[in-house]
């Protein structure tokens, strides 16, 4: 069972849900795919057992053999290559590593080399195996790091896998939730929360991934999120109230299930609910 945890916007409590959910279960693989700002490890403090660099392939041009025909630049839809009659300019941050420039080069002077864009880290804590990605500062391409994190999912995996998605509904989110069995959408009962929830719902319906909603800080704001879910037959899986104790625990980096054992059972029941919905 692979369960992704996503949200239409940042700050809804997505990471809080993912971490507390994982801590409530046994023998869990937790993947933090929010590679631009991974936070799961800050709440779990795992012992890191493995770090691996993530590379992408970029063109390496033997310019002294190049006749500056410009075929490679015309092929590149991202304009990562710019060719004049005497010079080639290459912008690695916008290269998508498609390898097309190498294929179309008439002079065969383009090869490929590796460029590091980030790392994945792997660790253990409280029966949880945590894998998270870190995109290097200044790098715009999160998807190769996300895919490196998701490679830790084995086809024969028997554990529950929880995938913490980036916020929003952009390409990194779609790449993260793709292939998961179920998505939990974490929202808050505010106008902003509802607006972004509607966008996230549209995306998941297009992807045909079953989903349900957790409302965080459920006793603030208004009932428009509840009404939207009821009207559109979207199951509300769990409601987490606005709680000073939960906020204080989060402020010192402590997951609330460790201090509030009644929530341990609620997250166990959440898994049972999801399993029934998927089956």
Protein backbone atom coordinates (compact mmCIF):
# COMPACT_ATOMS: atom_id res chain seq x y z
CA UNK A 1 0.00 0.00 0.00
CA UNK A 2 1.50 3.31 -1.14
CA UNK A 3 -0.18 6.37 0.35
CA UNK A 4 0.83 9.87 -0.72
CA UNK A 5 0.15 12.91 1.46
CA UNK A 6 -0.38 16.09 -0.52
CA UNK A 7 -1.92 19.56 -0.24
CA UNK A 8 -3.02 22.26 -2.62
CA UNK A 9 -0.88 24.81 -0.76
CA UNK A 10 1.92 24.99 1.74
CA UNK A 11 1.41 25.32 5.48
CA UNK A 12 -1.64 23.08 5.82
CA UNK A 13 0.06 20.45 8.00
CA UNK A 14 0.96 17.93 5.31
CA UNK A 15 4.30 16.99 6.87
CA UNK A 16 2.72 16.84 10.33
CA UNK A 17 0.18 14.32 9.05
CA UNK A 18 2.78 12.24 7.19
CA UNK A 19 5.16 11.97 10.16
CA UNK A 20 2.51 11.29 12.81
CA UNK A 21 0.83 8.76 10.53
CA UNK A 22 4.15 6.93 10.04
CA UNK A 23 4.91 6.93 13.77
CA UNK A 24 1.52 5.37 14.52
CA UNK A 25 2.26 2.32 12.36
CA UNK A 26 4.94 -0.37 12.43
CA UNK A 27 7.48 -1.25 9.75
CA UNK A 28 6.93 1.83 7.56
CA UNK A 29 8.86 3.31 4.66
CA UNK A 30 8.51 7.11 4.71
CA UNK A 31 9.62 9.00 1.61
CA UNK A 32 9.99 12.77 1.83
CA UNK A 33 9.66 14.02 -1.76
CA UNK A 34 9.40 17.69 -0.77
CA UNK A 35 13.01 17.93 -1.93
CA UNK A 36 13.21 21.72 -2.01
CA UNK A 37 12.33 21.93 1.67
CA UNK A 38 12.39 18.46 3.32
CA UNK A 39 11.24 18.58 6.95
CA UNK A 40 10.39 15.01 7.93
CA UNK A 41 13.91 14.38 9.23
CA UNK A 42 13.68 17.45 11.47
CA UNK A 43 10.75 15.89 13.31
CA UNK A 44 12.15 12.36 13.37
CA UNK A 45 15.91 12.92 13.86
CA UNK A 46 16.90 9.64 12.21
CA UNK A 47 20.35 8.09 12.24
CA UNK A 48 21.52 8.62 8.66
CA UNK A 49 22.97 5.39 7.29
CA UNK A 50 23.43 6.28 3.64
CA UNK A 51 23.89 9.40 1.51
CA UNK A 52 23.91 9.28 -2.27
CA UNK A 53 24.52 12.04 -4.80
CA UNK A 54 21.98 12.51 -7.61
CA UNK A 55 23.24 13.34 -11.07
CA UNK A 56 21.68 14.35 -14.36
CA UNK A 57 23.26 14.07 -17.79
CA UNK A 58 24.14 17.23 -19.68
CA UNK A 59 25.83 17.76 -23.05
CA UNK A 60 29.58 18.07 -23.33
CA UNK A 61 30.51 19.77 -26.59
CA UNK A 62 33.89 19.34 -28.27
CA UNK A 63 33.84 22.89 -29.54
CA UNK A 64 37.09 22.74 -31.50
CA UNK A 65 35.40 20.16 -33.76
CA UNK A 66 32.08 22.06 -34.02
CA UNK A 67 31.10 23.92 -37.18
CA UNK A 68 28.43 25.99 -35.31
CA UNK A 69 25.63 24.78 -37.55
CA UNK A 70 23.08 25.40 -34.77
CA UNK A 71 21.10 22.18 -35.28
CA UNK A 72 21.39 21.33 -31.57
CA UNK A 73 20.08 24.74 -30.50
CA UNK A 74 17.13 24.51 -32.90
CA UNK A 75 16.23 21.11 -31.47
CA UNK A 76 16.35 22.25 -27.82
CA UNK A 77 12.85 23.42 -26.92
CA UNK A 78 14.04 24.78 -23.56
CA UNK A 79 16.68 27.03 -25.21
CA UNK A 80 19.42 25.55 -23.04
CA UNK A 81 21.77 25.89 -26.03
CA UNK A 82 22.52 29.09 -27.97
CA UNK A 83 24.84 28.98 -30.97
CA UNK A 84 26.50 31.90 -32.75
CA UNK A 85 28.91 31.60 -35.67
CA UNK A 86 31.83 31.49 -33.24
CA UNK A 87 30.53 30.39 -29.85
CA UNK A 88 28.18 27.99 -28.09
CA UNK A 89 26.46 29.02 -24.87
CA UNK A 90 25.00 26.31 -22.63
CA UNK A 91 22.66 26.91 -19.66
CA UNK A 92 22.73 23.72 -17.54
CA UNK A 93 19.95 24.74 -15.13
CA UNK A 94 17.31 24.64 -17.88
CA UNK A 95 18.56 21.47 -19.56
CA UNK A 96 16.12 18.57 -19.08
CA UNK A 97 18.72 15.88 -19.92
CA UNK A 98 16.73 14.56 -22.89
CA UNK A 99 19.88 13.78 -24.88
CA UNK A 100 18.35 15.07 -28.09
CA UNK A 101 21.18 17.46 -28.91
CA UNK A 102 23.62 14.55 -28.93
CA UNK A 103 21.40 12.58 -31.31
CA UNK A 104 20.79 15.38 -33.85
CA UNK A 105 24.37 16.75 -33.98
CA UNK A 106 25.55 16.23 -37.62
CA UNK A 107 29.23 16.36 -36.62
CA UNK A 108 28.85 13.96 -33.64
CA UNK A 109 30.81 16.29 -31.38
CA UNK A 110 28.35 16.18 -28.47
CA UNK A 111 28.77 13.61 -25.72
CA UNK A 112 27.27 13.56 -22.21
CA UNK A 113 28.66 14.13 -18.75
CA UNK A 114 27.22 14.01 -15.26
CA UNK A 115 26.22 17.03 -13.19
CA UNK A 116 25.26 16.72 -9.52
CA UNK A 117 21.99 18.45 -8.58
CA UNK A 118 21.35 17.12 -5.08
CA UNK A 119 21.40 14.16 -2.71
CA UNK A 120 19.22 11.50 -1.17
CA UNK A 121 19.64 10.48 2.46
CA UNK A 122 18.47 7.32 4.16
CA UNK A 123 18.04 6.65 7.88
CA UNK A 124 16.23 4.69 10.57
CA UNK A 125 14.19 5.79 13.59
CA UNK A 126 11.40 4.19 15.68
CA UNK A 127 10.76 1.38 13.18
CA UNK A 128 10.58 3.84 10.28
CA UNK A 129 12.92 3.80 7.32
CA UNK A 130 13.13 7.41 6.14
CA UNK A 131 14.42 8.44 2.73
CA UNK A 132 14.47 12.08 1.76
CA UNK A 133 15.92 14.20 -1.02
CA UNK A 134 17.76 17.50 -0.90
CA UNK A 135 17.83 19.63 -4.04
CA UNK A 136 21.02 21.69 -4.20
CA UNK A 137 20.61 25.44 -3.68
CA UNK A 138 19.93 27.23 -6.95
CA UNK A 139 18.84 24.11 -8.83
CA UNK A 140 15.37 24.41 -10.43
CA UNK A 141 14.72 20.77 -11.40
CA UNK A 142 13.18 18.88 -8.47
CA UNK A 143 11.84 15.88 -10.41
CA UNK A 144 15.16 13.96 -10.81
CA UNK A 145 15.60 14.08 -7.00
CA UNK A 146 12.00 12.99 -6.44
CA UNK A 147 12.51 10.03 -8.76
CA UNK A 148 15.71 9.08 -6.97
CA UNK A 149 13.78 9.04 -3.67
CA UNK A 150 10.94 6.97 -5.16
CA UNK A 151 13.41 4.39 -6.50
CA UNK A 152 13.49 3.05 -2.93
CA UNK A 153 10.00 1.60 -3.53
CA UNK A 154 10.48 -2.07 -4.29
CA UNK A 155 7.90 -3.89 -6.46
CA UNK A 156 7.84 -6.60 -3.78
CA UNK A 157 7.50 -4.13 -0.90
CA UNK A 158 5.25 -5.44 1.88
CA UNK A 159 5.45 -2.41 4.16
CA UNK A 160 3.11 0.56 4.22
CA UNK A 161 4.77 3.31 2.21
CA UNK A 162 3.94 6.93 3.02
CA UNK A 163 5.06 9.52 0.48
CA UNK A 164 5.24 13.14 1.64
CA UNK A 165 4.60 15.26 -1.45
CA UNK A 166 5.68 18.83 -2.20
CA UNK A 167 2.89 21.40 -1.72
CA UNK A 168 0.83 22.69 -4.62
CA UNK A 169 -0.24 21.02 -7.87
CA UNK A 170 2.76 21.52 -10.14
CA UNK A 171 4.84 18.90 -12.00
CA UNK A 172 6.83 17.76 -8.89
CA UNK A 173 3.55 16.99 -7.10
CA UNK A 174 2.18 15.04 -10.06
CA UNK A 175 5.42 13.05 -10.31
CA UNK A 176 5.24 12.30 -6.57
CA UNK A 177 1.65 11.08 -6.38
CA UNK A 178 1.83 9.18 -9.67
CA UNK A 179 1.81 5.45 -9.02
CA UNK A 180 0.49 5.71 -5.46
CA UNK A 181 -2.58 3.77 -4.39
CA UNK A 182 -4.27 6.59 -2.48
CA UNK A 183 -3.71 10.27 -1.74
CA UNK A 184 -4.51 12.10 1.46
CA UNK A 185 -5.20 15.78 0.79
CA UNK A 186 -4.49 17.91 3.86
CA UNK A 187 -6.35 21.20 3.96
CA UNK A 188 -7.50 23.86 6.38
CA UNK A 189 -10.99 25.41 6.72
CA UNK A 190 -10.11 28.79 5.22
CA UNK A 191 -10.90 30.47 1.88
CA UNK A 192 -7.30 29.90 0.73
CA UNK A 193 -7.44 26.27 1.86
CA UNK A 194 -10.67 25.66 -0.04
CA UNK A 195 -9.46 27.37 -3.22
CA UNK A 196 -6.30 25.26 -3.41
CA UNK A 197 -8.13 22.10 -2.33
CA UNK A 198 -10.42 22.43 -5.36
CA UNK A 199 -7.40 22.58 -7.68
CA UNK A 200 -5.80 19.56 -6.02
CA UNK A 201 -9.07 17.60 -6.32
CA UNK A 202 -9.24 18.35 -10.06
CA UNK A 203 -5.65 17.12 -10.53
CA UNK A 204 -6.22 13.84 -8.66
CA UNK A 205 -9.44 13.17 -10.53
CA UNK A 206 -7.63 13.62 -13.84
CA UNK A 207 -4.90 11.24 -12.60
CA UNK A 208 -7.61 8.79 -11.44
CA UNK A 209 -6.03 8.39 -8.02
CA UNK A 210 -8.50 7.73 -5.17
CA UNK A 211 -8.28 10.31 -2.40
CA UNK A 212 -9.78 11.67 0.78
CA UNK A 213 -9.35 14.80 2.89
CA UNK A 214 -7.90 15.51 6.31
CA UNK A 215 -8.95 18.88 7.72
CA UNK A 216 -6.28 20.37 9.94
CA UNK A 217 -7.18 23.02 12.53
CA UNK A 218 -10.75 21.97 11.81
CA UNK A 219 -12.43 24.15 14.42
CA UNK A 220 -11.26 27.48 13.02
CA UNK A 221 -12.49 29.19 9.87
CA UNK A 222 -15.86 28.12 8.49
CA UNK A 223 -17.69 25.08 7.11
CA UNK A 224 -17.13 25.74 3.41
CA UNK A 225 -14.51 22.96 3.12
CA UNK A 226 -16.91 20.53 4.81
CA UNK A 227 -19.74 21.59 2.50
CA UNK A 228 -17.53 21.25 -0.60
CA UNK A 229 -16.45 17.74 0.38
CA UNK A 230 -20.01 16.64 1.17
CA UNK A 231 -21.39 18.10 -2.05
CA UNK A 232 -18.72 16.38 -4.15
CA UNK A 233 -18.81 13.04 -2.31
CA UNK A 234 -15.25 13.46 -1.03
CA UNK A 235 -14.64 11.51 2.20
CA UNK A 236 -13.36 13.50 5.18
CA UNK A 237 -10.96 10.97 6.67
CA UNK A 238 -9.95 12.81 9.83
CA UNK A 239 -10.23 16.18 11.52
CA UNK A 240 -7.36 17.56 13.59
CA UNK A 241 -8.51 20.39 15.88
CA UNK A 242 -6.76 23.67 16.51
CA UNK A 243 -4.75 22.71 19.59
CA UNK A 244 -2.26 24.71 21.60
CA UNK A 245 -0.57 21.50 22.75
CA UNK A 246 -0.10 20.23 19.18
CA UNK A 247 1.31 23.63 18.19
CA UNK A 248 3.71 23.71 21.14
CA UNK A 249 4.96 20.20 20.37
CA UNK A 250 5.47 21.10 16.71
CA UNK A 251 7.39 24.25 17.69
CA UNK A 252 10.00 22.12 19.47
CA UNK A 253 10.10 19.53 16.68
CA UNK A 254 8.14 16.79 18.45
CA UNK A 255 5.41 14.78 16.67
CA UNK A 256 2.22 14.97 18.71
CA UNK A 257 1.45 11.21 18.67
CA UNK A 258 4.45 10.73 20.97
CA UNK A 259 2.78 12.83 23.68
CA UNK A 260 -0.90 12.30 22.83
CA UNK A 261 -1.38 8.51 22.55
CA UNK A 262 -5.07 8.78 21.70
CA UNK A 263 -4.02 9.99 18.24
CA UNK A 264 -1.96 6.86 17.71
CA UNK A 265 -5.15 4.82 17.42
CA UNK A 266 -6.85 7.44 15.24
CA UNK A 267 -4.06 7.14 12.66
CA UNK A 268 -4.21 3.33 12.84
CA UNK A 269 -7.94 3.57 12.12
CA UNK A 270 -7.14 5.95 9.26
CA UNK A 271 -5.05 3.23 7.60
CA UNK A 272 -7.91 0.74 7.95
CA UNK A 273 -10.31 3.24 6.36
CA UNK A 274 -7.98 3.80 3.42
CA UNK A 275 -7.44 0.07 2.92
CA UNK A 276 -11.22 -0.44 2.73
CA UNK A 277 -11.61 2.41 0.25
CA UNK A 278 -8.85 1.08 -2.01
CA UNK A 279 -10.07 -2.51 -1.90
